[in-house]
Amino acid sequence: MPKKPRKPGRPKLAKGEAKGSIVPVRFSPEDRKRVEAAAKASKQTVSQWVRSILLATIGG
């Protein structure tokens, strides 16, 4: 019996090794520009900046 071909893409991570969940958030165009500017000023990506601000706010 021939082997099945491998699926393209990255292999699935083991259970419990995933980075986490995604939380969609909407910003107005003006707010998004402000968030992007703040992230750039702190030399972080927007995701890193938002995460750091949220965790600092909730004491994480």
N, C-alpha and C. Protein backbone atom coordinates (compact mmCIF):
# COMPACT_ATOMS: atom_id res chain seq x y z
N MET A 1 0.84 -1.18 0.00
CA MET A 1 0.00 0.00 0.00
C MET A 1 0.90 1.25 0.00
N PRO A 2 0.71 2.16 -0.94
CA PRO A 2 1.58 3.35 -1.02
C PRO A 2 1.31 4.32 0.13
N LYS A 3 2.38 5.07 0.49
CA LYS A 3 2.25 6.06 1.55
C LYS A 3 1.43 7.25 1.05
N LYS A 4 0.69 7.87 1.97
CA LYS A 4 -0.07 9.07 1.62
C LYS A 4 0.91 10.23 1.51
N PRO A 5 0.71 11.12 0.54
CA PRO A 5 1.60 12.29 0.46
C PRO A 5 1.38 13.22 1.65
N ARG A 6 2.47 13.88 2.07
CA ARG A 6 2.36 14.80 3.19
C ARG A 6 1.60 16.04 2.78
N LYS A 7 0.86 16.59 3.72
CA LYS A 7 0.13 17.81 3.45
C LYS A 7 1.12 18.98 3.44
N PRO A 8 0.86 20.00 2.61
CA PRO A 8 1.77 21.16 2.60
C PRO A 8 1.60 22.00 3.87
N GLY A 9 2.62 22.75 4.20
CA GLY A 9 2.54 23.66 5.35
C GLY A 9 3.27 23.14 6.56
N ARG A 10 3.21 23.91 7.61
CA ARG A 10 3.89 23.58 8.86
C ARG A 10 3.15 22.46 9.57
N PRO A 11 3.88 21.50 10.13
CA PRO A 11 3.21 20.44 10.91
C PRO A 11 2.50 21.04 12.12
N LYS A 12 1.43 20.42 12.56
CA LYS A 12 0.69 20.91 13.71
C LYS A 12 1.55 20.82 14.96
N LEU A 13 1.37 21.79 15.86
CA LEU A 13 2.08 21.77 17.12
C LEU A 13 1.43 20.77 18.07
N ALA A 14 2.24 20.26 18.98
CA ALA A 14 1.72 19.34 19.98
C ALA A 14 0.73 20.07 20.87
N LYS A 15 -0.17 19.32 21.49
CA LYS A 15 -1.19 19.92 22.35
C LYS A 15 -0.52 20.72 23.46
N GLY A 16 -0.97 21.95 23.67
CA GLY A 16 -0.42 22.80 24.71
C GLY A 16 0.76 23.64 24.26
N GLU A 17 1.22 23.49 23.03
CA GLU A 17 2.37 24.26 22.54
C GLU A 17 1.97 25.42 21.64
N ALA A 18 0.70 25.59 21.39
CA ALA A 18 0.26 26.69 20.54
C ALA A 18 0.56 28.02 21.23
N LYS A 19 0.76 29.08 20.45
CA LYS A 19 1.09 30.39 21.01
C LYS A 19 -0.03 30.95 21.87
N GLY A 20 -1.25 30.75 21.49
CA GLY A 20 -2.37 31.30 22.24
C GLY A 20 -3.51 31.58 21.30
N SER A 21 -4.49 32.29 21.79
CA SER A 21 -5.65 32.58 20.96
C SER A 21 -5.57 34.00 20.43
N ILE A 22 -6.28 34.25 19.37
CA ILE A 22 -6.33 35.56 18.73
C ILE A 22 -7.60 36.26 19.18
N VAL A 23 -7.45 37.54 19.55
CA VAL A 23 -8.59 38.34 19.98
C VAL A 23 -8.74 39.49 18.98
N PRO A 24 -9.75 39.42 18.13
CA PRO A 24 -9.94 40.50 17.15
C PRO A 24 -10.37 41.80 17.84
N VAL A 25 -9.78 42.90 17.41
CA VAL A 25 -10.11 44.22 17.96
C VAL A 25 -10.22 45.19 16.80
N ARG A 26 -11.20 46.08 16.86
CA ARG A 26 -11.37 47.09 15.80
C ARG A 26 -10.96 48.46 16.34
N PHE A 27 -10.24 49.20 15.49
CA PHE A 27 -9.85 50.57 15.80
C PHE A 27 -10.36 51.48 14.70
N SER A 28 -10.70 52.70 15.07
CA SER A 28 -11.00 53.70 14.04
C SER A 28 -9.68 54.01 13.34
N PRO A 29 -9.74 54.55 12.13
CA PRO A 29 -8.49 54.88 11.43
C PRO A 29 -7.58 55.80 12.25
N GLU A 30 -8.15 56.76 12.95
CA GLU A 30 -7.35 57.68 13.76
C GLU A 30 -6.69 56.95 14.93
N ASP A 31 -7.46 56.09 15.61
CA ASP A 31 -6.91 55.34 16.74
C ASP A 31 -5.83 54.37 16.27
N ARG A 32 -6.04 53.76 15.13
CA ARG A 32 -5.03 52.82 14.62
C ARG A 32 -3.71 53.54 14.34
N LYS A 33 -3.78 54.74 13.77
CA LYS A 33 -2.56 55.51 13.52
C LYS A 33 -1.85 55.83 14.83
N ARG A 34 -2.62 56.18 15.86
CA ARG A 34 -2.02 56.48 17.16
C ARG A 34 -1.38 55.25 17.78
N VAL A 35 -2.05 54.10 17.67
CA VAL A 35 -1.50 52.85 18.21
C VAL A 35 -0.22 52.48 17.46
N GLU A 36 -0.25 52.57 16.12
CA GLU A 36 0.94 52.25 15.33
C GLU A 36 2.10 53.18 15.67
N ALA A 37 1.82 54.46 15.87
CA ALA A 37 2.87 55.42 16.22
C ALA A 37 3.46 55.10 17.60
N ALA A 38 2.61 54.75 18.56
CA ALA A 38 3.09 54.41 19.90
C ALA A 38 3.94 53.14 19.86
N ALA A 39 3.51 52.16 19.07
CA ALA A 39 4.27 50.91 18.95
C ALA A 39 5.63 51.18 18.31
N LYS A 40 5.63 51.98 17.26
CA LYS A 40 6.89 52.31 16.58
C LYS A 40 7.83 53.07 17.51
N ALA A 41 7.28 54.00 18.29
CA ALA A 41 8.09 54.79 19.22
C ALA A 41 8.74 53.90 20.29
N SER A 42 8.07 52.82 20.66
CA SER A 42 8.62 51.91 21.67
C SER A 42 9.38 50.75 21.03
N LYS A 43 9.58 50.82 19.71
CA LYS A 43 10.32 49.79 18.94
C LYS A 43 9.72 48.40 19.14
N GLN A 44 8.37 48.34 19.06
CA GLN A 44 7.64 47.08 19.17
C GLN A 44 6.69 46.96 17.99
N THR A 45 6.26 45.73 17.73
CA THR A 45 5.19 45.56 16.75
C THR A 45 3.90 46.02 17.42
N VAL A 46 2.87 46.22 16.62
CA VAL A 46 1.58 46.62 17.18
C VAL A 46 1.09 45.55 18.15
N SER A 47 1.22 44.28 17.78
CA SER A 47 0.78 43.20 18.66
C SER A 47 1.52 43.21 19.99
N GLN A 48 2.84 43.37 19.92
CA GLN A 48 3.64 43.40 21.16
C GLN A 48 3.23 44.58 22.03
N TRP A 49 3.03 45.74 21.41
CA TRP A 49 2.68 46.94 22.16
C TRP A 49 1.31 46.78 22.83
N VAL A 50 0.32 46.34 22.05
CA VAL A 50 -1.03 46.17 22.60
C VAL A 50 -0.99 45.16 23.74
N ARG A 51 -0.30 44.04 23.54
CA ARG A 51 -0.22 43.02 24.58
C ARG A 51 0.43 43.58 25.84
N SER A 52 1.53 44.32 25.70
CA SER A 52 2.22 44.85 26.87
C SER A 52 1.36 45.86 27.63
N ILE A 53 0.64 46.71 26.90
CA ILE A 53 -0.23 47.70 27.55
C ILE A 53 -1.39 47.00 28.28
N LEU A 54 -2.00 46.03 27.62
CA LEU A 54 -3.13 45.32 28.26
C LEU A 54 -2.68 44.57 29.49
N LEU A 55 -1.55 43.86 29.40
CA LEU A 55 -1.08 43.08 30.55
C LEU A 55 -0.65 44.00 31.70
N ALA A 56 -0.04 45.15 31.37
CA ALA A 56 0.32 46.11 32.42
C ALA A 56 -0.94 46.65 33.11
N THR A 57 -1.99 46.85 32.34
CA THR A 57 -3.24 47.40 32.88
C THR A 57 -3.93 46.42 33.82
N ILE A 58 -3.90 45.14 33.46
CA ILE A 58 -4.59 44.15 34.30
C ILE A 58 -3.65 43.50 35.32
N GLY A 59 -2.40 43.93 35.34
CA GLY A 59 -1.45 43.40 36.32
C GLY A 59 -0.88 42.06 35.93
N GLY A 60 -0.67 41.85 34.63
CA GLY A 60 -0.15 40.56 34.17
C GLY A 60 1.26 40.58 33.95
